[in-house]
Amino acid sequence: MFKKVVFIVVVSGLLLTVFYWKEIRKKTQTITAQKRVETFMSGSLQEGDIIFQTSGSNQSKAIQLATKSRYSHMGILYKQGEQWGVYEAVQPVKLTALKEWIQRGEQGHYVIKRLKNAKRILTPETLSKMKMAGTKYKGKDYDIYFEWSDEKIYCSELVWKIYKEGAGIELGKLEKLRDFDLSSTIVRQKLKERYGETLPLNEEVISPAAIFDSKQLETIGSD
């Protein structure tokens, strides 16, 4: 009996040690990532840059599989005063502090891309137009059906329309829902959950992957 009690105590101690080690490691990684972000933000970002991540939403995996991309969420970087934020379509459309946005993604990983010749093209006047174009979407609900309308809106649609309406630039190729890989069980389950048995296969869609792969963009940073 004594040996059994000792064994249980030892195992419990080891489990607690592993748990606390993981928590300390997680906090250390978060602090290190924050420092790298702050260093990067200090002089490398420009308004209008586009940031990508793998979100923790329950639809993220389905988006990754359907688009064959690691990235399932995105937004536009804007600066308010001395603080950087990500204008994004979540629930609802809003500006989120950059550090908060990064921490929300999978393992704090992100990629930032920029329009080629951005300094020449994204003038203060153009950026002002882009911000005005995005204002009409502020507070709108997230579009879980990925419809091409302005009533509700999803992340890549928000970025695409802001660039199109504010700068006259189309980032990424519009596709039909039928163009994506809908074969996996995860994707089919999510589609059935959203649409039932009738899929809007001809609905126009712009995916994070399409914008990420746009030849009009270049990568300027990641972590």
C-alpha atoms as a PDB file:
ATOM      1  CA  MET A   1       0.000   0.000   0.000  1.00  0.00           C
ATOM      2  CA  PHE A   2       2.835   2.376   0.947  1.00  0.00           C
ATOM      3  CA  LYS A   3       4.581   1.772  -2.412  1.00  0.00           C
ATOM      4  CA  LYS A   4       1.339   2.457  -4.252  1.00  0.00           C
ATOM      5  CA  VAL A   5       0.885   5.769  -2.440  1.00  0.00           C
ATOM      6  CA  VAL A   6       4.498   6.764  -3.169  1.00  0.00           C
ATOM      7  CA  PHE A   7       4.029   5.867  -6.834  1.00  0.00           C
ATOM      8  CA  ILE A   8       0.880   8.000  -7.072  1.00  0.00           C
ATOM      9  CA  VAL A   9       2.609  10.943  -5.379  1.00  0.00           C
ATOM     10  CA  VAL A  10       5.631  10.688  -7.688  1.00  0.00           C
ATOM     11  CA  VAL A  11       3.481  10.446 -10.829  1.00  0.00           C
ATOM     12  CA  SER A  12       1.325  13.368  -9.672  1.00  0.00           C
ATOM     13  CA  GLY A  13       4.437  15.414  -9.049  1.00  0.00           C
ATOM     14  CA  LEU A  14       5.804  14.649 -12.493  1.00  0.00           C
ATOM     15  CA  LEU A  15       2.511  15.571 -14.133  1.00  0.00           C
ATOM     16  CA  LEU A  16       2.400  18.873 -12.267  1.00  0.00           C
ATOM     17  CA  THR A  17       6.011  19.583 -13.231  1.00  0.00           C
ATOM     18  CA  VAL A  18       5.246  18.928 -16.910  1.00  0.00           C
ATOM     19  CA  PHE A  19       2.121  21.113 -16.711  1.00  0.00           C
ATOM     20  CA  TYR A  20       3.944  24.053 -15.129  1.00  0.00           C
ATOM     21  CA  TRP A  21       6.875  23.649 -17.540  1.00  0.00           C
ATOM     22  CA  LYS A  22       4.491  23.848 -20.477  1.00  0.00           C
ATOM     23  CA  GLU A  23       2.810  26.939 -19.015  1.00  0.00           C
ATOM     24  CA  ILE A  24       6.155  28.666 -18.402  1.00  0.00           C
ATOM     25  CA  ARG A  25       7.324  27.762 -21.909  1.00  0.00           C
ATOM     26  CA  LYS A  26       4.069  29.086 -23.382  1.00  0.00           C
ATOM     27  CA  LYS A  27       4.399  32.386 -21.515  1.00  0.00           C
ATOM     28  CA  THR A  28       8.068  32.697 -22.520  1.00  0.00           C
ATOM     29  CA  GLN A  29       7.208  32.096 -26.176  1.00  0.00           C
ATOM     30  CA  THR A  30       4.422  34.689 -25.974  1.00  0.00           C
ATOM     31  CA  ILE A  31       6.743  37.304 -24.452  1.00  0.00           C
ATOM     32  CA  THR A  32       9.456  36.562 -27.044  1.00  0.00           C
ATOM     33  CA  ALA A  33       6.935  36.818 -29.878  1.00  0.00           C
ATOM     34  CA  GLN A  34       5.649  40.122 -28.502  1.00  0.00           C
ATOM     35  CA  LYS A  35       9.168  41.554 -28.411  1.00  0.00           C
ATOM     36  CA  ARG A  36       9.774  40.505 -32.021  1.00  0.00           C
ATOM     37  CA  VAL A  37       6.463  42.073 -33.043  1.00  0.00           C
ATOM     38  CA  GLU A  38       7.262  45.323 -31.227  1.00  0.00           C
ATOM     39  CA  THR A  39      10.697  45.482 -32.872  1.00  0.00           C
ATOM     40  CA  PHE A  40       9.172  44.854 -36.273  1.00  0.00           C
ATOM     41  CA  MET A  41       6.395  47.385 -35.736  1.00  0.00           C
ATOM     42  CA  SER A  42       8.863  50.087 -34.736  1.00  0.00           C
ATOM     43  CA  GLY A  43       9.809  50.913 -38.307  1.00  0.00           C
ATOM     44  CA  SER A  44       8.937  48.287 -40.876  1.00  0.00           C
ATOM     45  CA  LEU A  45       5.152  48.439 -41.201  1.00  0.00           C
ATOM     46  CA  GLN A  46       3.188  50.630 -43.584  1.00  0.00           C
ATOM     47  CA  GLU A  47      -0.516  51.356 -43.607  1.00  0.00           C
ATOM     48  CA  GLY A  48      -2.272  49.158 -46.112  1.00  0.00           C
ATOM     49  CA  ASP A  49      -0.041  46.155 -45.426  1.00  0.00           C
ATOM     50  CA  ILE A  50      -1.987  42.880 -45.324  1.00  0.00           C
ATOM     51  CA  ILE A  51      -1.513  40.357 -42.537  1.00  0.00           C
ATOM     52  CA  PHE A  52      -2.357  36.639 -42.632  1.00  0.00           C
ATOM     53  CA  GLN A  53      -2.702  33.993 -39.935  1.00  0.00           C
ATOM     54  CA  THR A  54      -4.228  30.591 -39.205  1.00  0.00           C
ATOM     55  CA  SER A  55      -7.242  31.408 -37.086  1.00  0.00           C
ATOM     56  CA  GLY A  56      -8.539  29.348 -34.211  1.00  0.00           C
ATOM     57  CA  SER A  57     -12.136  29.415 -35.476  1.00  0.00           C
ATOM     58  CA  ASN A  58     -14.103  26.215 -35.967  1.00  0.00           C
ATOM     59  CA  GLN A  59     -14.171  26.776 -39.723  1.00  0.00           C
ATOM     60  CA  SER A  60     -10.433  27.342 -40.094  1.00  0.00           C
ATOM     61  CA  LYS A  61      -9.515  23.757 -40.979  1.00  0.00           C
ATOM     62  CA  ALA A  62     -12.243  23.571 -43.607  1.00  0.00           C
ATOM     63  CA  ILE A  63     -10.962  26.772 -45.230  1.00  0.00           C
ATOM     64  CA  GLN A  64      -7.405  25.452 -45.217  1.00  0.00           C
ATOM     65  CA  LEU A  65      -8.412  22.178 -46.840  1.00  0.00           C
ATOM     66  CA  ALA A  66     -10.717  23.743 -49.416  1.00  0.00           C
ATOM     67  CA  THR A  67      -8.170  26.374 -50.491  1.00  0.00           C
ATOM     68  CA  LYS A  68      -5.044  24.222 -49.970  1.00  0.00           C
ATOM     69  CA  SER A  69      -3.479  26.963 -47.879  1.00  0.00           C
ATOM     70  CA  ARG A  70      -2.128  27.287 -44.351  1.00  0.00           C
ATOM     71  CA  TYR A  71      -3.801  30.661 -43.922  1.00  0.00           C
ATOM     72  CA  SER A  72      -7.474  31.072 -43.096  1.00  0.00           C
ATOM     73  CA  HIS A  73      -7.770  34.657 -41.815  1.00  0.00           C
ATOM     74  CA  MET A  74      -6.475  38.088 -42.794  1.00  0.00           C
ATOM     75  CA  GLY A  75      -6.883  41.831 -42.381  1.00  0.00           C
ATOM     76  CA  ILE A  76      -5.421  45.249 -43.263  1.00  0.00           C
ATOM     77  CA  LEU A  77      -2.930  47.094 -41.073  1.00  0.00           C
ATOM     78  CA  TYR A  78      -3.773  50.656 -40.067  1.00  0.00           C
ATOM     79  CA  LYS A  79      -2.179  52.958 -37.528  1.00  0.00           C
ATOM     80  CA  GLN A  80      -4.096  54.979 -34.963  1.00  0.00           C
ATOM     81  CA  GLY A  81      -1.831  57.388 -33.157  1.00  0.00           C
ATOM     82  CA  GLU A  82       1.168  55.300 -32.137  1.00  0.00           C
ATOM     83  CA  GLN A  83      -0.708  51.998 -32.132  1.00  0.00           C
ATOM     84  CA  TRP A  84      -1.039  49.491 -34.968  1.00  0.00           C
ATOM     85  CA  GLY A  85      -4.311  47.682 -35.543  1.00  0.00           C
ATOM     86  CA  VAL A  86      -5.792  45.132 -37.929  1.00  0.00           C
ATOM     87  CA  TYR A  87      -9.027  46.051 -39.659  1.00  0.00           C
ATOM     88  CA  GLU A  88     -10.751  42.702 -39.967  1.00  0.00           C
ATOM     89  CA  ALA A  89     -14.047  40.973 -40.590  1.00  0.00           C
ATOM     90  CA  VAL A  90     -14.825  38.933 -37.509  1.00  0.00           C
ATOM     91  CA  GLN A  91     -17.996  39.334 -35.475  1.00  0.00           C
ATOM     92  CA  PRO A  92     -18.417  42.177 -36.159  1.00  0.00           C
ATOM     93  CA  VAL A  93     -16.084  44.033 -38.551  1.00  0.00           C
ATOM     94  CA  LYS A  94     -13.709  46.043 -36.369  1.00  0.00           C
ATOM     95  CA  LEU A  95     -10.169  47.307 -35.777  1.00  0.00           C
ATOM     96  CA  THR A  96      -8.233  44.976 -33.471  1.00  0.00           C
ATOM     97  CA  ALA A  97      -4.941  45.809 -31.755  1.00  0.00           C
ATOM     98  CA  LEU A  98      -2.138  44.121 -33.714  1.00  0.00           C
ATOM     99  CA  LYS A  99      -0.568  42.327 -30.746  1.00  0.00           C
ATOM    100  CA  GLU A 100      -3.973  40.977 -29.706  1.00  0.00           C
ATOM    101  CA  TRP A 101      -4.647  39.857 -33.283  1.00  0.00           C
ATOM    102  CA  ILE A 102      -1.349  37.984 -33.528  1.00  0.00           C
ATOM    103  CA  GLN A 103      -1.812  36.256 -30.174  1.00  0.00           C
ATOM    104  CA  ARG A 104      -5.224  35.023 -31.306  1.00  0.00           C
ATOM    105  CA  GLY A 105      -3.741  33.101 -34.249  1.00  0.00           C
ATOM    106  CA  GLU A 106      -2.253  29.627 -34.224  1.00  0.00           C
ATOM    107  CA  GLN A 107       1.115  29.665 -32.398  1.00  0.00           C
ATOM    108  CA  GLY A 108       1.281  33.437 -32.865  1.00  0.00           C
ATOM    109  CA  HIS A 109       2.398  32.899 -36.464  1.00  0.00           C
ATOM    110  CA  TYR A 110       1.706  35.559 -39.082  1.00  0.00           C
ATOM    111  CA  VAL A 111       2.839  36.709 -42.518  1.00  0.00           C
ATOM    112  CA  ILE A 112       2.706  40.329 -43.658  1.00  0.00           C
ATOM    113  CA  LYS A 113       2.518  41.218 -47.333  1.00  0.00           C
ATOM    114  CA  ARG A 114       2.653  44.550 -49.112  1.00  0.00           C
ATOM    115  CA  LEU A 115       1.569  45.863 -52.466  1.00  0.00           C
ATOM    116  CA  LYS A 116       4.548  46.142 -54.783  1.00  0.00           C
ATOM    117  CA  ASN A 117       5.499  49.811 -55.279  1.00  0.00           C
ATOM    118  CA  ALA A 118       3.262  50.613 -52.298  1.00  0.00           C
ATOM    119  CA  LYS A 119       5.000  53.909 -51.530  1.00  0.00           C
ATOM    120  CA  ARG A 120       4.147  55.161 -55.015  1.00  0.00           C
ATOM    121  CA  ILE A 121       0.648  53.676 -55.256  1.00  0.00           C
ATOM    122  CA  LEU A 122      -0.675  53.906 -51.702  1.00  0.00           C
ATOM    123  CA  THR A 123      -0.388  57.663 -51.316  1.00  0.00           C
ATOM    124  CA  PRO A 124      -1.959  59.395 -48.304  1.00  0.00           C
ATOM    125  CA  GLU A 125      -4.909  60.283 -50.553  1.00  0.00           C
ATOM    126  CA  THR A 126      -5.373  56.672 -51.676  1.00  0.00           C
ATOM    127  CA  LEU A 127      -5.069  55.352 -48.120  1.00  0.00           C
ATOM    128  CA  SER A 128      -7.692  57.864 -47.050  1.00  0.00           C
ATOM    129  CA  LYS A 129     -10.011  56.552 -49.766  1.00  0.00           C
ATOM    130  CA  MET A 130      -9.360  52.978 -48.657  1.00  0.00           C
ATOM    131  CA  LYS A 131     -10.213  53.832 -45.061  1.00  0.00           C
ATOM    132  CA  MET A 132     -13.392  55.569 -46.188  1.00  0.00           C
ATOM    133  CA  ALA A 133     -14.302  52.550 -48.303  1.00  0.00           C
ATOM    134  CA  GLY A 134     -13.833  50.312 -45.283  1.00  0.00           C
ATOM    135  CA  THR A 135     -15.875  52.526 -42.976  1.00  0.00           C
ATOM    136  CA  LYS A 136     -19.178  51.408 -44.508  1.00  0.00           C
ATOM    137  CA  TYR A 137     -18.455  47.843 -43.407  1.00  0.00           C
ATOM    138  CA  LYS A 138     -17.599  48.706 -39.798  1.00  0.00           C
ATOM    139  CA  GLY A 139     -19.860  46.921 -37.346  1.00  0.00           C
ATOM    140  CA  LYS A 140     -21.353  44.617 -39.972  1.00  0.00           C
ATOM    141  CA  ASP A 141     -21.853  40.955 -39.164  1.00  0.00           C
ATOM    142  CA  TYR A 142     -19.451  38.291 -40.307  1.00  0.00           C
ATOM    143  CA  ASP A 143     -20.761  36.431 -43.350  1.00  0.00           C
ATOM    144  CA  ILE A 144     -20.694  32.697 -42.601  1.00  0.00           C
ATOM    145  CA  TYR A 145     -22.241  31.993 -46.025  1.00  0.00           C
ATOM    146  CA  PHE A 146     -19.488  33.771 -48.001  1.00  0.00           C
ATOM    147  CA  GLU A 147     -21.990  35.638 -50.177  1.00  0.00           C
ATOM    148  CA  TRP A 148     -20.796  38.355 -52.534  1.00  0.00           C
ATOM    149  CA  SER A 149     -22.866  41.175 -51.062  1.00  0.00           C
ATOM    150  CA  ASP A 150     -22.270  44.117 -48.741  1.00  0.00           C
ATOM    151  CA  GLU A 151     -24.895  43.138 -46.168  1.00  0.00           C
ATOM    152  CA  LYS A 152     -22.497  40.862 -44.312  1.00  0.00           C
ATOM    153  CA  ILE A 153     -18.834  40.343 -45.054  1.00  0.00           C
ATOM    154  CA  TYR A 154     -15.975  37.878 -44.492  1.00  0.00           C
ATOM    155  CA  CYS A 155     -12.272  38.563 -43.995  1.00  0.00           C
ATOM    156  CA  SER A 156     -10.806  38.251 -47.485  1.00  0.00           C
ATOM    157  CA  GLU A 157     -13.870  39.906 -49.025  1.00  0.00           C
ATOM    158  CA  LEU A 158     -13.321  42.932 -46.775  1.00  0.00           C
ATOM    159  CA  VAL A 159      -9.678  43.300 -47.827  1.00  0.00           C
ATOM    160  CA  TRP A 160     -10.478  42.750 -51.520  1.00  0.00           C
ATOM    161  CA  LYS A 161     -13.293  45.310 -51.558  1.00  0.00           C
ATOM    162  CA  ILE A 162     -11.295  47.942 -49.668  1.00  0.00           C
ATOM    163  CA  TYR A 163      -8.462  47.685 -52.195  1.00  0.00           C
ATOM    164  CA  LYS A 164     -10.884  47.622 -55.121  1.00  0.00           C
ATOM    165  CA  GLU A 165     -13.080  50.503 -53.972  1.00  0.00           C
ATOM    166  CA  GLY A 166     -10.357  52.638 -52.423  1.00  0.00           C
ATOM    167  CA  ALA A 167      -7.389  52.028 -54.709  1.00  0.00           C
ATOM    168  CA  GLY A 168      -8.916  50.508 -57.849  1.00  0.00           C
ATOM    169  CA  ILE A 169      -6.835  47.355 -57.364  1.00  0.00           C
ATOM    170  CA  GLU A 170      -8.103  43.776 -57.547  1.00  0.00           C
ATOM    171  CA  LEU A 171      -5.985  41.551 -55.315  1.00  0.00           C
ATOM    172  CA  GLY A 172      -6.359  37.896 -56.206  1.00  0.00           C
ATOM    173  CA  LYS A 173      -8.664  36.140 -58.602  1.00  0.00           C
ATOM    174  CA  LEU A 174     -12.359  35.783 -57.825  1.00  0.00           C
ATOM    175  CA  GLU A 175     -13.461  32.156 -57.945  1.00  0.00           C
ATOM    176  CA  LYS A 176     -16.663  30.157 -57.701  1.00  0.00           C
ATOM    177  CA  LEU A 177     -17.372  27.963 -54.714  1.00  0.00           C
ATOM    178  CA  ARG A 178     -17.202  24.993 -57.096  1.00  0.00           C
ATOM    179  CA  ASP A 179     -13.544  25.815 -57.859  1.00  0.00           C
ATOM    180  CA  PHE A 180     -12.374  24.829 -54.368  1.00  0.00           C
ATOM    181  CA  ASP A 181     -11.547  21.357 -53.144  1.00  0.00           C
ATOM    182  CA  LEU A 182     -14.798  20.258 -51.507  1.00  0.00           C
ATOM    183  CA  SER A 183     -13.877  16.593 -51.241  1.00  0.00           C
ATOM    184  CA  SER A 184     -12.720  16.237 -47.621  1.00  0.00           C
ATOM    185  CA  THR A 185     -15.098  15.142 -44.885  1.00  0.00           C
ATOM    186  CA  ILE A 186     -14.369  18.256 -42.811  1.00  0.00           C
ATOM    187  CA  VAL A 187     -15.224  20.554 -45.723  1.00  0.00           C
ATOM    188  CA  ARG A 188     -18.378  18.629 -46.627  1.00  0.00           C
ATOM    189  CA  GLN A 189     -19.581  18.674 -43.033  1.00  0.00           C
ATOM    190  CA  LYS A 190     -19.070  22.419 -42.745  1.00  0.00           C
ATOM    191  CA  LEU A 191     -20.851  23.052 -46.055  1.00  0.00           C
ATOM    192  CA  LYS A 192     -23.792  20.901 -45.011  1.00  0.00           C
ATOM    193  CA  GLU A 193     -23.941  22.712 -41.682  1.00  0.00           C
ATOM    194  CA  ARG A 194     -24.134  26.060 -43.454  1.00  0.00           C
ATOM    195  CA  TYR A 195     -26.126  25.319 -46.604  1.00  0.00           C
ATOM    196  CA  GLY A 196     -27.932  22.039 -46.079  1.00  0.00           C
ATOM    197  CA  GLU A 197     -28.182  19.854 -49.179  1.00  0.00           C
ATOM    198  CA  THR A 198     -28.164  22.670 -51.767  1.00  0.00           C
ATOM    199  CA  LEU A 199     -24.765  24.271 -52.276  1.00  0.00           C
ATOM    200  CA  PRO A 200     -24.414  27.677 -53.992  1.00  0.00           C
ATOM    201  CA  LEU A 201     -21.657  26.368 -56.245  1.00  0.00           C
ATOM    202  CA  ASN A 202     -21.768  29.405 -58.540  1.00  0.00           C
ATOM    203  CA  GLU A 203     -21.338  31.932 -55.728  1.00  0.00           C
ATOM    204  CA  GLU A 204     -18.354  34.236 -56.316  1.00  0.00           C
ATOM    205  CA  VAL A 205     -15.727  33.943 -53.590  1.00  0.00           C
ATOM    206  CA  ILE A 206     -12.373  35.522 -52.825  1.00  0.00           C
ATOM    207  CA  SER A 207     -10.248  33.383 -50.517  1.00  0.00           C
ATOM    208  CA  PRO A 208      -7.343  34.349 -48.231  1.00  0.00           C
ATOM    209  CA  ALA A 209      -5.238  31.971 -50.357  1.00  0.00           C
ATOM    210  CA  ALA A 210      -6.020  33.856 -53.563  1.00  0.00           C
ATOM    211  CA  ILE A 211      -4.892  37.146 -52.058  1.00  0.00           C
ATOM    212  CA  PHE A 212      -1.876  35.550 -50.373  1.00  0.00           C
ATOM    213  CA  ASP A 213      -0.731  34.171 -53.738  1.00  0.00           C
ATOM    214  CA  SER A 214      -1.338  37.417 -55.639  1.00  0.00           C
ATOM    215  CA  LYS A 215       1.694  38.421 -57.701  1.00  0.00           C
ATOM    216  CA  GLN A 216       0.878  42.030 -56.876  1.00  0.00           C
ATOM    217  CA  LEU A 217       2.057  41.447 -53.303  1.00  0.00           C
ATOM    218  CA  GLU A 218       5.443  40.790 -51.746  1.00  0.00           C
ATOM    219  CA  THR A 219       6.250  39.368 -48.324  1.00  0.00           C
ATOM    220  CA  ILE A 220       7.825  41.880 -45.981  1.00  0.00           C
ATOM    221  CA  GLY A 221       7.787  40.000 -42.694  1.00  0.00           C
ATOM    222  CA  SER A 222       6.677  36.913 -40.786  1.00  0.00           C
ATOM    223  CA  ASP A 223       7.031  35.128 -37.486  1.00  0.00           C
END
